[in-house]
């Protein structure tokens, strides 16, 4: 589970500090590039650089840098649990809890997203708190094999109305989040294979978030896809 402390991360030693410094510089450049590309939108897009690595030595997680080169969000999963992951702000304050719920008589589990932390949660018994939204992985449709839908997102604790759909390939870091009008509200994009002599692979990628859409919501979707 995530740390409840707001202490500063250890930054993974010298290598981690150098990588973090490089990503902070890179995130500013990427932000400027996307503002040039998206100047016809309703306003500036939000761009985040995501590093699929915790800044603590013994954790799995994520480190997220904003367009100003600041630590915006982080995930530090000490126990390696996949049934509950906490998204925190840069100081370590919990923002959202992404929880997996096993479904009886169903091949597809649900992922529930709660505000803040959830202490009374298990995979078979949800929390007494009401989730702010939930999602389920899409099962491949034999009749429509060309449709590359990854997941469906629903608002509220029990709303059956789909609010968003996620399409593409998270494994290749190439996804789009579309609303019910089929408008793209956010994208996950892979970094170039080599920039300045540094090879990123799939551990570093970019989030491009359209004006008026929540970066926190998009980070929750990233955590959902990573668990799925």
Protein backbone atom coordinates (compact mmCIF):
# COMPACT_ATOMS: atom_id res chain seq x y z
CA UNK A 1 0.00 0.00 0.00
CA UNK A 2 1.11 3.56 -0.45
CA UNK A 3 3.03 5.40 2.19
CA UNK A 4 1.07 7.67 4.51
CA UNK A 5 4.04 9.91 5.03
CA UNK A 6 4.75 13.15 3.23
CA UNK A 7 8.52 12.76 3.46
CA UNK A 8 10.76 13.37 0.46
CA UNK A 9 11.55 10.29 -1.66
CA UNK A 10 15.08 8.92 -1.66
CA UNK A 11 15.11 9.29 -5.47
CA UNK A 12 16.60 5.87 -6.13
CA UNK A 13 20.25 6.82 -5.56
CA UNK A 14 22.51 8.67 -8.02
CA UNK A 15 21.05 7.00 -11.10
CA UNK A 16 17.52 7.84 -9.98
CA UNK A 17 18.42 11.47 -9.27
CA UNK A 18 20.04 11.89 -12.67
CA UNK A 19 17.05 10.30 -14.40
CA UNK A 20 14.63 12.50 -12.46
CA UNK A 21 16.63 15.61 -13.37
CA UNK A 22 16.61 14.60 -17.03
CA UNK A 23 12.85 13.91 -17.00
CA UNK A 24 12.13 17.29 -15.42
CA UNK A 25 14.01 18.98 -18.24
CA UNK A 26 12.39 16.76 -20.85
CA UNK A 27 8.86 17.36 -19.53
CA UNK A 28 9.19 21.10 -20.13
CA UNK A 29 10.31 20.50 -23.73
CA UNK A 30 7.50 18.03 -24.42
CA UNK A 31 4.95 20.44 -22.98
CA UNK A 32 6.12 23.24 -25.31
CA UNK A 33 5.98 20.92 -28.32
CA UNK A 34 2.41 19.82 -27.61
CA UNK A 35 1.23 23.39 -27.06
CA UNK A 36 2.52 24.20 -30.55
CA UNK A 37 0.69 21.17 -31.98
CA UNK A 38 -2.57 21.82 -30.10
CA UNK A 39 -2.87 25.58 -30.52
CA UNK A 40 -6.26 25.16 -32.24
CA UNK A 41 -7.90 23.58 -29.20
CA UNK A 42 -10.05 25.45 -26.66
CA UNK A 43 -6.97 26.14 -24.55
CA UNK A 44 -3.61 24.69 -23.58
CA UNK A 45 -3.37 20.96 -23.05
CA UNK A 46 -1.91 19.55 -19.85
CA UNK A 47 1.11 17.33 -20.42
CA UNK A 48 2.61 14.98 -17.86
CA UNK A 49 5.73 12.83 -18.09
CA UNK A 50 5.21 9.46 -16.39
CA UNK A 51 8.10 7.29 -15.19
CA UNK A 52 7.00 3.79 -14.27
CA UNK A 53 9.26 3.68 -11.23
CA UNK A 54 8.98 4.71 -7.60
CA UNK A 55 11.60 7.06 -6.21
CA UNK A 56 11.92 4.85 -3.15
CA UNK A 57 14.42 1.99 -3.28
CA UNK A 58 12.17 -0.93 -2.32
CA UNK A 59 8.90 0.03 -4.02
CA UNK A 60 7.06 -0.45 -7.24
CA UNK A 61 5.21 2.61 -8.46
CA UNK A 62 5.12 5.71 -10.61
CA UNK A 63 6.75 9.12 -10.66
CA UNK A 64 4.91 11.87 -12.55
CA UNK A 65 6.42 15.20 -13.62
CA UNK A 66 4.34 18.18 -14.76
CA UNK A 67 5.15 20.65 -17.54
CA UNK A 68 7.03 22.90 -15.12
CA UNK A 69 9.42 20.11 -14.15
CA UNK A 70 7.77 19.59 -10.75
CA UNK A 71 6.86 16.33 -9.04
CA UNK A 72 3.09 16.25 -9.57
CA UNK A 73 2.03 12.73 -8.52
CA UNK A 74 3.57 9.56 -7.23
CA UNK A 75 2.71 5.98 -6.41
CA UNK A 76 4.81 4.00 -3.93
CA UNK A 77 3.55 0.44 -3.56
CA UNK A 78 5.58 -1.01 -0.68
CA UNK A 79 3.88 -4.38 -0.31
CA UNK A 80 3.47 -5.16 -3.99
CA UNK A 81 -0.31 -5.47 -3.54
CA UNK A 82 -2.26 -5.31 -6.77
CA UNK A 83 -5.69 -5.10 -5.15
CA UNK A 84 -5.22 -1.52 -3.91
CA UNK A 85 -2.97 1.27 -5.20
CA UNK A 86 -2.87 4.82 -3.84
CA UNK A 87 -2.29 7.84 -6.06
CA UNK A 88 -0.61 10.65 -4.10
CA UNK A 89 0.34 14.22 -4.88
CA UNK A 90 4.01 15.21 -4.96
CA UNK A 91 4.15 15.68 -1.18
CA UNK A 92 2.72 12.23 -0.44
CA UNK A 93 -0.89 13.21 0.35
CA UNK A 94 -3.34 10.48 -0.81
CA UNK A 95 -5.66 11.60 -3.61
CA UNK A 96 -7.29 8.45 -4.95
CA UNK A 97 -7.39 4.75 -4.13
CA UNK A 98 -7.71 2.30 -7.03
CA UNK A 99 -9.12 -1.00 -5.73
CA UNK A 100 -9.68 -4.31 -7.46
CA UNK A 101 -12.91 -6.18 -6.73
CA UNK A 102 -13.37 -9.81 -7.68
CA UNK A 103 -16.71 -10.54 -9.26
CA UNK A 104 -18.54 -13.76 -8.43
CA UNK A 105 -19.71 -15.74 -11.46
CA UNK A 106 -17.93 -13.32 -13.77
CA UNK A 107 -14.74 -13.56 -15.82
CA UNK A 108 -14.17 -9.83 -15.52
CA UNK A 109 -13.19 -8.07 -12.28
CA UNK A 110 -14.15 -4.49 -11.46
CA UNK A 111 -11.83 -1.69 -10.41
CA UNK A 112 -13.33 0.84 -8.01
CA UNK A 113 -11.82 4.31 -7.56
CA UNK A 114 -12.30 6.08 -4.22
CA UNK A 115 -11.37 9.53 -3.03
CA UNK A 116 -8.46 9.48 -0.57
CA UNK A 117 -7.51 6.22 1.16
CA UNK A 118 -9.62 3.13 1.90
CA UNK A 119 -8.87 1.18 5.08
CA UNK A 120 -11.76 -1.30 5.11
CA UNK A 121 -11.31 -2.77 1.65
CA UNK A 122 -10.82 -6.36 0.53
CA UNK A 123 -11.05 -7.86 -2.96
CA UNK A 124 -14.28 -9.67 -2.12
CA UNK A 125 -15.91 -7.01 0.07
CA UNK A 126 -15.95 -3.38 -1.09
CA UNK A 127 -15.51 -0.43 1.23
CA UNK A 128 -18.46 1.31 2.87
CA UNK A 129 -17.29 4.43 1.07
CA UNK A 130 -18.89 5.07 -2.30
CA UNK A 131 -16.53 5.03 -5.28
CA UNK A 132 -16.43 8.12 -7.47
CA UNK A 133 -16.17 5.93 -10.57
CA UNK A 134 -15.46 2.35 -11.59
CA UNK A 135 -14.14 0.46 -14.59
CA UNK A 136 -14.03 -2.98 -16.11
CA UNK A 137 -11.72 -4.58 -18.62
CA UNK A 138 -13.19 -5.21 -22.04
CA UNK A 139 -13.57 -8.80 -23.11
CA UNK A 140 -12.53 -9.44 -26.70
CA UNK A 141 -15.53 -9.64 -28.97
CA UNK A 142 -15.26 -12.49 -31.47
CA UNK A 143 -17.71 -10.74 -33.78
CA UNK A 144 -15.67 -7.51 -33.75
CA UNK A 145 -11.99 -8.49 -33.52
CA UNK A 146 -10.93 -5.22 -35.13
CA UNK A 147 -12.34 -3.14 -32.25
CA UNK A 148 -9.45 -2.45 -29.89
CA UNK A 149 -11.30 -1.42 -26.72
CA UNK A 150 -9.29 -1.88 -23.53
CA UNK A 151 -11.74 -0.81 -20.83
CA UNK A 152 -15.04 0.87 -20.04
CA UNK A 153 -15.39 3.57 -17.38
CA UNK A 154 -18.61 4.32 -15.48
CA UNK A 155 -19.40 7.23 -13.17
CA UNK A 156 -20.86 6.87 -9.68
CA UNK A 157 -21.03 3.78 -7.46
CA UNK A 158 -23.50 1.76 -9.53
CA UNK A 159 -24.26 3.70 -12.70
CA UNK A 160 -24.55 1.40 -15.70
CA UNK A 161 -24.15 4.24 -18.16
CA UNK A 162 -20.75 4.22 -19.81
CA UNK A 163 -19.05 7.60 -19.51
CA UNK A 164 -15.71 6.85 -21.16
CA UNK A 165 -14.06 4.16 -23.24
CA UNK A 166 -10.33 3.48 -23.50
CA UNK A 167 -8.97 2.29 -26.83
CA UNK A 168 -5.54 1.30 -28.11
CA UNK A 169 -2.69 -0.64 -26.52
CA UNK A 170 -1.40 0.14 -23.05
CA UNK A 171 1.35 -2.45 -23.54
CA UNK A 172 2.67 -0.25 -26.36
CA UNK A 173 1.82 2.97 -24.46
CA UNK A 174 -0.56 4.10 -27.19
CA UNK A 175 -4.08 4.73 -25.83
CA UNK A 176 -6.92 7.20 -26.17
CA UNK A 177 -9.64 8.06 -23.66
CA UNK A 178 -12.89 8.98 -25.41
CA UNK A 179 -16.08 10.41 -23.92
CA UNK A 180 -19.61 9.35 -24.85
CA UNK A 181 -19.48 11.68 -27.87
CA UNK A 182 -16.35 9.92 -29.15
CA UNK A 183 -14.23 12.97 -28.43
CA UNK A 184 -10.65 12.26 -27.35
CA UNK A 185 -10.13 13.79 -23.91
CA UNK A 186 -6.73 12.28 -23.10
CA UNK A 187 -3.96 10.25 -24.70
CA UNK A 188 -1.12 8.02 -23.56
CA UNK A 189 1.85 8.26 -25.91
CA UNK A 190 5.16 6.46 -25.98
CA UNK A 191 8.39 8.45 -25.85
CA UNK A 192 10.85 8.30 -28.67
CA UNK A 193 13.04 5.20 -28.41
CA UNK A 194 16.17 7.33 -28.04
CA UNK A 195 16.50 10.99 -26.99
CA UNK A 196 19.85 12.55 -26.20
CA UNK A 197 21.49 9.15 -25.93
CA UNK A 198 18.94 7.93 -23.36
CA UNK A 199 16.79 4.93 -24.21
CA UNK A 200 13.38 4.97 -22.50
CA UNK A 201 11.73 1.75 -23.60
CA UNK A 202 8.20 1.57 -22.17
CA UNK A 203 8.98 2.87 -18.67
CA UNK A 204 8.66 6.55 -19.63
CA UNK A 205 5.64 7.89 -21.48
CA UNK A 206 3.59 11.06 -21.93
CA UNK A 207 0.03 11.95 -20.98
CA UNK A 208 -1.68 14.61 -23.08
CA UNK A 209 -4.85 15.88 -21.41
CA UNK A 210 -7.32 18.13 -23.18
CA UNK A 211 -8.51 21.41 -21.59
CA UNK A 212 -11.13 21.01 -18.89
CA UNK A 213 -10.31 17.35 -18.24
CA UNK A 214 -8.87 16.17 -14.93
CA UNK A 215 -5.21 15.03 -14.83
CA UNK A 216 -6.01 13.10 -11.62
CA UNK A 217 -8.72 11.17 -13.45
CA UNK A 218 -6.28 10.30 -16.25
CA UNK A 219 -3.66 9.14 -13.76
CA UNK A 220 -6.29 6.86 -12.20
CA UNK A 221 -6.93 5.41 -15.65
CA UNK A 222 -3.19 4.77 -16.06
CA UNK A 223 -3.17 2.84 -12.78
CA UNK A 224 -6.26 0.90 -13.86
CA UNK A 225 -4.70 -0.09 -17.17
CA UNK A 226 -1.43 -1.03 -15.51
CA UNK A 227 -3.27 -3.43 -13.17
CA UNK A 228 -5.50 -4.83 -15.88
